[in-house]
C-alpha atoms as a PDB file:
ATOM      1  CA  MET A   1     -66.108  -9.185  -6.500  1.00  0.00           C
ATOM      2  CA  GLY A   2     -67.698  -6.693  -8.903  1.00  0.00           C
ATOM      3  CA  TYR A   3     -66.261  -3.549 -10.391  1.00  0.00           C
ATOM      4  CA  PHE A   4     -67.640  -1.257  -7.719  1.00  0.00           C
ATOM      5  CA  ASP A   5     -66.339  -3.508  -4.919  1.00  0.00           C
ATOM      6  CA  GLY A   6     -62.876  -3.302  -6.419  1.00  0.00           C
ATOM      7  CA  PHE A   7     -63.020   0.472  -6.633  1.00  0.00           C
ATOM      8  CA  ALA A   8     -64.207   0.599  -3.014  1.00  0.00           C
ATOM      9  CA  VAL A   9     -61.048  -1.262  -1.889  1.00  0.00           C
ATOM     10  CA  THR A  10     -58.855   1.228  -3.767  1.00  0.00           C
ATOM     11  CA  PHE A  11     -60.756   4.185  -2.362  1.00  0.00           C
ATOM     12  CA  ARG A  12     -60.399   2.993   1.245  1.00  0.00           C
ATOM     13  CA  LYS A  13     -56.626   2.640   0.801  1.00  0.00           C
ATOM     14  CA  LEU A  14     -56.393   6.345   0.117  1.00  0.00           C
ATOM     15  CA  PHE A  15     -57.063   7.001   3.819  1.00  0.00           C
ATOM     16  CA  ASP A  16     -54.615   4.426   5.209  1.00  0.00           C
ATOM     17  CA  ASP A  17     -51.395   5.497   6.892  1.00  0.00           C
ATOM     18  CA  ARG A  18     -48.444   5.831   4.523  1.00  0.00           C
ATOM     19  CA  VAL A  19     -45.581   3.337   5.046  1.00  0.00           C
ATOM     20  CA  THR A  20     -43.083   4.977   2.697  1.00  0.00           C
ATOM     21  CA  ASP A  21     -41.217   8.254   2.675  1.00  0.00           C
ATOM     22  CA  GLN A  22     -40.811  10.546  -0.256  1.00  0.00           C
ATOM     23  CA  PHE A  23     -37.456  10.230  -1.978  1.00  0.00           C
ATOM     24  CA  PRO A  24     -34.903  11.644  -1.196  1.00  0.00           C
ATOM     25  CA  LYS A  25     -36.042  12.336   2.372  1.00  0.00           C
ATOM     26  CA  VAL A  26     -34.481   9.072   3.531  1.00  0.00           C
ATOM     27  CA  LYS A  27     -31.123   8.045   2.037  1.00  0.00           C
ATOM     28  CA  TRP A  28     -29.754   4.769   3.342  1.00  0.00           C
ATOM     29  CA  ARG A  29     -26.170   4.224   4.418  1.00  0.00           C
ATOM     30  CA  LYS A  30     -24.475   1.861   2.001  1.00  0.00           C
ATOM     31  CA  PRO A  31     -22.109  -0.954   3.011  1.00  0.00           C
ATOM     32  CA  GLU A  32     -18.376  -0.744   2.221  1.00  0.00           C
ATOM     33  CA  ARG A  33     -18.629  -3.325  -0.553  1.00  0.00           C
ATOM     34  CA  PHE A  34     -21.533  -1.624  -2.340  1.00  0.00           C
ATOM     35  CA  HIS A  35     -20.866  -1.156  -6.036  1.00  0.00           C
ATOM     36  CA  GLY A  36     -21.918   2.174  -7.563  1.00  0.00           C
ATOM     37  CA  ARG A  37     -20.814   4.654 -10.185  1.00  0.00           C
ATOM     38  CA  HIS A  38     -17.173   4.431 -11.283  1.00  0.00           C
ATOM     39  CA  VAL A  39     -14.431   7.019 -11.004  1.00  0.00           C
ATOM     40  CA  LEU A  40     -11.054   7.294 -12.709  1.00  0.00           C
ATOM     41  CA  ASN A  41      -8.420   8.160 -10.149  1.00  0.00           C
ATOM     42  CA  ARG A  42      -5.235  10.214 -10.098  1.00  0.00           C
ATOM     43  CA  TYR A  43      -1.963   9.817  -8.213  1.00  0.00           C
ATOM     44  CA  GLU A  44      -1.152  12.261  -5.480  1.00  0.00           C
ATOM     45  CA  ASP A  45       0.935  14.382  -7.900  1.00  0.00           C
ATOM     46  CA  GLY A  46      -2.160  14.777 -10.115  1.00  0.00           C
ATOM     47  CA  MET A  47      -1.115  12.364 -12.859  1.00  0.00           C
ATOM     48  CA  GLU A  48      -3.785  10.009 -14.176  1.00  0.00           C
ATOM     49  CA  LYS A  49      -3.557   6.334 -13.144  1.00  0.00           C
ATOM     50  CA  CYS A  50      -5.125   5.032 -16.363  1.00  0.00           C
ATOM     51  CA  ILE A  51      -2.590   3.822 -18.899  1.00  0.00           C
ATOM     52  CA  GLY A  52      -5.065   2.948 -21.639  1.00  0.00           C
ATOM     53  CA  CYS A  53      -4.307  -0.792 -21.550  1.00  0.00           C
ATOM     54  CA  GLU A  54      -8.024  -1.652 -22.222  1.00  0.00           C
ATOM     55  CA  LEU A  55      -7.996  -4.617 -19.772  1.00  0.00           C
ATOM     56  CA  CYS A  56     -11.107  -3.277 -18.134  1.00  0.00           C
ATOM     57  CA  ALA A  57     -12.940  -3.251 -21.454  1.00  0.00           C
ATOM     58  CA  GLY A  58     -11.705  -6.725 -22.274  1.00  0.00           C
ATOM     59  CA  VAL A  59     -12.898  -8.275 -19.033  1.00  0.00           C
ATOM     60  CA  CYS A  60     -16.272  -6.502 -18.923  1.00  0.00           C
ATOM     61  CA  PRO A  61     -19.059  -9.114 -19.305  1.00  0.00           C
ATOM     62  CA  ALA A  62     -21.607  -6.467 -20.287  1.00  0.00           C
ATOM     63  CA  ARG A  63     -19.279  -4.822 -22.834  1.00  0.00           C
ATOM     64  CA  CYS A  64     -20.150  -1.412 -21.475  1.00  0.00           C
ATOM     65  CA  ILE A  65     -16.606   0.040 -21.384  1.00  0.00           C
ATOM     66  CA  TYR A  66     -14.875   1.555 -24.386  1.00  0.00           C
ATOM     67  CA  VAL A  67     -11.207   2.602 -24.054  1.00  0.00           C
ATOM     68  CA  ARG A  68      -8.654   3.844 -26.474  1.00  0.00           C
ATOM     69  CA  GLY A  69      -5.031   4.604 -25.432  1.00  0.00           C
ATOM     70  CA  ALA A  70      -2.633   7.102 -26.811  1.00  0.00           C
ATOM     71  CA  ASP A  71       1.106   7.687 -26.441  1.00  0.00           C
ATOM     72  CA  ASN A  72       2.216  10.108 -23.806  1.00  0.00           C
ATOM     73  CA  ASP A  73       4.032  13.293 -24.765  1.00  0.00           C
ATOM     74  CA  PRO A  74       7.480  12.905 -23.213  1.00  0.00           C
ATOM     75  CA  ASP A  75       7.551  16.621 -22.410  1.00  0.00           C
ATOM     76  CA  ASP A  76       4.062  16.702 -20.935  1.00  0.00           C
ATOM     77  CA  PRO A  77       2.942  13.224 -19.933  1.00  0.00           C
ATOM     78  CA  VAL A  78      -0.621  12.563 -18.735  1.00  0.00           C
ATOM     79  CA  SER A  79       0.237   9.328 -16.876  1.00  0.00           C
ATOM     80  CA  PRO A  80       3.511   7.841 -15.583  1.00  0.00           C
ATOM     81  CA  GLY A  81       3.569   5.120 -18.267  1.00  0.00           C
ATOM     82  CA  GLU A  82       4.211   5.209 -21.994  1.00  0.00           C
ATOM     83  CA  ARG A  83       0.486   5.506 -22.722  1.00  0.00           C
ATOM     84  CA  TYR A  84      -2.654   6.990 -21.161  1.00  0.00           C
ATOM     85  CA  GLY A  85      -6.391   6.639 -21.580  1.00  0.00           C
ATOM     86  CA  TYR A  86      -7.228   9.031 -24.397  1.00  0.00           C
ATOM     87  CA  VAL A  87     -10.856   7.872 -24.682  1.00  0.00           C
ATOM     88  CA  TYR A  88     -12.716   6.314 -21.761  1.00  0.00           C
ATOM     89  CA  GLU A  89     -16.484   5.704 -21.802  1.00  0.00           C
ATOM     90  CA  ILE A  90     -18.897   3.634 -19.705  1.00  0.00           C
ATOM     91  CA  ASN A  91     -22.416   2.959 -20.860  1.00  0.00           C
ATOM     92  CA  TYR A  92     -24.563   2.753 -17.713  1.00  0.00           C
ATOM     93  CA  LEU A  93     -27.508   1.362 -19.661  1.00  0.00           C
ATOM     94  CA  ARG A  94     -25.428  -1.832 -19.823  1.00  0.00           C
ATOM     95  CA  CYS A  95     -23.248  -1.779 -16.693  1.00  0.00           C
ATOM     96  CA  ILE A  96     -24.087  -4.457 -14.096  1.00  0.00           C
ATOM     97  CA  HIS A  97     -21.622  -3.122 -11.467  1.00  0.00           C
ATOM     98  CA  CYS A  98     -19.791  -6.438 -11.147  1.00  0.00           C
ATOM     99  CA  ASP A  99     -16.496  -4.651 -10.372  1.00  0.00           C
ATOM    100  CA  LEU A 100     -14.489  -6.954 -12.653  1.00  0.00           C
ATOM    101  CA  CYS A 101     -12.998  -3.854 -14.299  1.00  0.00           C
ATOM    102  CA  VAL A 102     -11.595  -2.829 -10.921  1.00  0.00           C
ATOM    103  CA  GLU A 103     -10.110  -6.254 -10.376  1.00  0.00           C
ATOM    104  CA  ALA A 104      -8.495  -6.296 -13.810  1.00  0.00           C
ATOM    105  CA  CYS A 105      -6.959  -2.836 -13.670  1.00  0.00           C
ATOM    106  CA  PRO A 106      -3.178  -3.098 -13.151  1.00  0.00           C
ATOM    107  CA  THR A 107      -2.751   0.510 -11.933  1.00  0.00           C
ATOM    108  CA  GLU A 108      -5.851   0.854  -9.679  1.00  0.00           C
ATOM    109  CA  ALA A 109      -7.129   3.561 -11.979  1.00  0.00           C
ATOM    110  CA  ILE A 110     -10.790   2.670 -11.941  1.00  0.00           C
ATOM    111  CA  THR A 111     -12.799   2.130  -8.752  1.00  0.00           C
ATOM    112  CA  GLU A 112     -16.478   2.222  -7.867  1.00  0.00           C
ATOM    113  CA  THR A 113     -18.039   4.731  -5.526  1.00  0.00           C
ATOM    114  CA  LYS A 114     -21.196   4.147  -3.489  1.00  0.00           C
ATOM    115  CA  LEU A 115     -23.300   6.464  -5.686  1.00  0.00           C
ATOM    116  CA  PHE A 116     -26.243   4.643  -7.146  1.00  0.00           C
ATOM    117  CA  GLU A 117     -28.948   7.328  -7.194  1.00  0.00           C
ATOM    118  CA  PHE A 118     -28.643   8.711 -10.692  1.00  0.00           C
ATOM    119  CA  SER A 119     -31.194   8.839 -13.469  1.00  0.00           C
ATOM    120  CA  PHE A 120     -31.173  10.077 -17.033  1.00  0.00           C
ATOM    121  CA  THR A 121     -33.597  11.974 -19.207  1.00  0.00           C
ATOM    122  CA  ASN A 122     -31.872  10.862 -22.402  1.00  0.00           C
ATOM    123  CA  ARG A 123     -29.600   8.015 -23.494  1.00  0.00           C
ATOM    124  CA  HIS A 124     -26.627  10.360 -24.168  1.00  0.00           C
ATOM    125  CA  ASP A 125     -26.324  11.215 -20.434  1.00  0.00           C
ATOM    126  CA  ALA A 126     -26.088   7.523 -19.607  1.00  0.00           C
ATOM    127  CA  ILE A 127     -22.786   7.192 -21.498  1.00  0.00           C
ATOM    128  CA  TYR A 128     -20.180   8.704 -19.175  1.00  0.00           C
ATOM    129  CA  THR A 129     -17.077  10.170 -20.818  1.00  0.00           C
ATOM    130  CA  LYS A 130     -13.572  10.383 -19.424  1.00  0.00           C
ATOM    131  CA  GLU A 131     -14.137  14.036 -18.444  1.00  0.00           C
ATOM    132  CA  GLU A 132     -17.103  12.968 -16.339  1.00  0.00           C
ATOM    133  CA  LEU A 133     -15.419   9.917 -14.790  1.00  0.00           C
ATOM    134  CA  LEU A 134     -12.018  11.488 -14.014  1.00  0.00           C
ATOM    135  CA  VAL A 135     -11.758  12.984 -10.494  1.00  0.00           C
ATOM    136  CA  ASP A 136     -11.277  16.708 -10.308  1.00  0.00           C
ATOM    137  CA  ASP A 137      -8.107  18.600  -9.271  1.00  0.00           C
ATOM    138  CA  SER A 138      -8.868  17.902  -5.578  1.00  0.00           C
ATOM    139  CA  GLY A 139      -9.297  14.160  -6.202  1.00  0.00           C
ATOM    140  CA  ARG A 140     -13.056  14.226  -5.640  1.00  0.00           C
ATOM    141  CA  PRO A 141     -15.605  12.662  -8.008  1.00  0.00           C
ATOM    142  CA  ARG A 142     -17.312  15.040 -10.329  1.00  0.00           C
ATOM    143  CA  GLN A 143     -20.955  15.484  -9.330  1.00  0.00           C
ATOM    144  CA  LEU A 144     -23.260  15.723 -12.358  1.00  0.00           C
ATOM    145  CA  PRO A 145     -26.692  17.342 -12.343  1.00  0.00           C
ATOM    146  CA  TRP A 146     -28.623  14.043 -12.507  1.00  0.00           C
ATOM    147  CA  GLU A 147     -26.715  12.487  -9.588  1.00  0.00           C
ATOM    148  CA  LEU A 148     -27.753  12.550  -5.906  1.00  0.00           C
ATOM    149  CA  TRP A 149     -24.554  12.313  -3.871  1.00  0.00           C
ATOM    150  CA  GLY A 150     -24.776  11.596  -0.175  1.00  0.00           C
ATOM    151  CA  GLU A 151     -22.350  11.594   2.709  1.00  0.00           C
ATOM    152  CA  GLY A 152     -19.828   8.789   2.371  1.00  0.00           C
ATOM    153  CA  ASP A 153     -20.621   7.922  -1.221  1.00  0.00           C
ATOM    154  CA  ASP A 154     -17.031   8.704  -2.212  1.00  0.00           C
ATOM    155  CA  GLU A 155     -15.449   6.780   0.663  1.00  0.00           C
ATOM    156  CA  HIS A 156     -14.203   3.235   0.685  1.00  0.00           C
ATOM    157  CA  THR A 157     -14.311   2.961  -3.123  1.00  0.00           C
ATOM    158  CA  SER A 158     -14.090  -0.723  -4.020  1.00  0.00           C
ATOM    159  CA  GLY A 159     -13.098  -1.568  -0.477  1.00  0.00           C
ATOM    160  CA  TRP A 160     -13.095  -5.299  -1.040  1.00  0.00           C
ATOM    161  CA  MET A 161     -10.224  -4.941  -3.484  1.00  0.00           C
ATOM    162  CA  ARG A 162      -8.038  -3.597  -0.674  1.00  0.00           C
ATOM    163  CA  ALA A 163      -8.812  -6.495   1.640  1.00  0.00           C
ATOM    164  CA  THR A 164      -6.228  -8.746   0.029  1.00  0.00           C
ATOM    165  CA  SER A 165      -3.455  -8.532  -2.490  1.00  0.00           C
ATOM    166  CA  PRO A 166      -4.292  -8.532  -6.259  1.00  0.00           C
ATOM    167  CA  SER A 167      -3.303 -12.158  -6.394  1.00  0.00           C
ATOM    168  CA  GLY A 168      -5.729 -13.029  -3.611  1.00  0.00           C
ATOM    169  CA  SER A 169      -3.087 -14.421  -1.289  1.00  0.00           C
ATOM    170  CA  ALA A 170      -4.392 -14.703   2.264  1.00  0.00           C
ATOM    171  CA  ALA A 171      -0.889 -13.906   3.539  1.00  0.00           C
ATOM    172  CA  HIS A 172      -1.450 -10.273   2.534  1.00  0.00           C
ATOM    173  CA  GLU A 173      -4.790  -9.846   4.405  1.00  0.00           C
ATOM    174  CA  GLY A 174      -5.019  -6.563   6.278  1.00  0.00           C
ATOM    175  CA  LYS A 175      -1.913  -5.073   4.690  1.00  0.00           C
ATOM    176  CA  VAL A 176      -2.192  -1.882   2.686  1.00  0.00           C
ATOM    177  CA  LEU A 177      -1.346  -2.765  -0.931  1.00  0.00           C
ATOM    178  CA  TRP A 178      -2.982   0.189  -2.613  1.00  0.00           C
ATOM    179  CA  SER A 179      -1.287   3.179  -4.213  1.00  0.00           C
ATOM    180  CA  ALA A 180      -2.083   6.627  -2.837  1.00  0.00           C
ATOM    181  CA  GLU A 181      -4.822   8.691  -4.448  1.00  0.00           C
ATOM    182  CA  LEU A 182      -5.120  12.382  -4.982  1.00  0.00           C
ATOM    183  CA  GLY A 183      -7.277  13.845  -2.157  1.00  0.00           C
ATOM    184  CA  TYR A 184      -7.395  10.663  -0.102  1.00  0.00           C
ATOM    185  CA  GLY A 185      -3.810   9.420   0.297  1.00  0.00           C
ATOM    186  CA  VAL A 186      -3.487   5.700   0.953  1.00  0.00           C
ATOM    187  CA  ARG A 187      -6.882   4.290   1.718  1.00  0.00           C
ATOM    188  CA  SER A 188      -6.974   1.783   4.612  1.00  0.00           C
ATOM    189  CA  PRO A 189      -7.941  -1.884   4.105  1.00  0.00           C
ATOM    190  CA  GLU A 190     -11.369  -3.067   5.163  1.00  0.00           C
ATOM    191  CA  LEU A 191     -12.299  -3.225   8.813  1.00  0.00           C
ATOM    192  CA  GLY A 192     -11.914  -6.626  10.345  1.00  0.00           C
ATOM    193  CA  GLN A 193      -9.031  -7.665   8.102  1.00  0.00           C
ATOM    194  CA  ARG A 194      -6.044  -9.001   9.987  1.00  0.00           C
ATOM    195  CA  THR A 195      -2.993 -11.121   9.354  1.00  0.00           C
ATOM    196  CA  ARG A 196      -3.536 -14.769  10.188  1.00  0.00           C
ATOM    197  CA  GLU A 197      -0.732 -17.143  11.164  1.00  0.00           C
ATOM    198  CA  VAL A 198      -0.717 -20.220   8.930  1.00  0.00           C
ATOM    199  CA  GLU A 199       0.486 -23.343  10.684  1.00  0.00           C
ATOM    200  CA  ALA A 200       2.864 -25.502   8.671  1.00  0.00           C
ATOM    201  CA  VAL A 201       1.595 -29.080   8.117  1.00  0.00           C
ATOM    202  CA  PRO A 202       4.425 -31.563   8.732  1.00  0.00           C
ATOM    203  CA  GLU A 203       5.320 -33.832   5.880  1.00  0.00           C
ATOM    204  CA  PRO A 204       4.780 -37.583   6.461  1.00  0.00           C
ATOM    205  CA  ALA A 205       7.820 -39.649   7.339  1.00  0.00           C
ATOM    206  CA  PRO A 206       9.386 -41.480   4.386  1.00  0.00           C
ATOM    207  CA  THR A 207       8.780 -45.203   4.095  1.00  0.00           C
ATOM    208  CA  ASP A 208      10.686 -48.026   2.374  1.00  0.00           C
ATOM    209  CA  ASP A 209       7.494 -49.856   1.350  1.00  0.00           C
ATOM    210  CA  PRO A 210       6.557 -48.691  -2.193  1.00  0.00           C
ATOM    211  CA  HIS A 211       2.999 -50.001  -1.684  1.00  0.00           C
ATOM    212  CA  GLU A 212       2.386 -48.140   1.534  1.00  0.00           C
ATOM    213  CA  ASP A 213       0.595 -44.807   1.189  1.00  0.00           C
ATOM    214  CA  PRO A 214       2.150 -42.395   3.718  1.00  0.00           C
ATOM    215  CA  HIS A 215      -1.045 -40.244   3.739  1.00  0.00           C
ATOM    216  CA  HIS A 216      -3.163 -43.067   5.207  1.00  0.00           C
END
């Protein structure tokens, strides 16, 4: 095929029917376990859940989280614990949205929303600060100019974490083991989760023969 034949193929394609829609005309509904942009949550009384323990930063495989804790003022505490997250930053040029930070957090302070449509015009905007990650006074995520929030993007944050207990015990399936959040209350566990009855396996009868294996 010569040069002109190749250009002819391209030119003919200009008149073909379009198979795509212009963004953001169509915004797809994300599944409950979709991992998107993080938020730092508050308790229902407005106090911050983050205690500045830095476990999220320690477990992050991409090393995109930077946390520094500080002591609470006894007269005006920020969180219920002795310390709170004084500095909290997430570099979204590195984040792989694995949700390990959510799993490691002992106070359920950090969760992931369903927001994934955000782009940056400079590297500075890609590093989210605590002021940008912390939910507002109504408990809702802060919506920044370069983010495209859709309906339901703030619902079911890190839903898979509420499916079982933090220890992963199947005995806690379907039970609400999540502290209440400002603006949302106690979020329900995932749909389809239910308590299963575990049948006890009887122990084998004892035997006097030391060479006999009771399991066979």
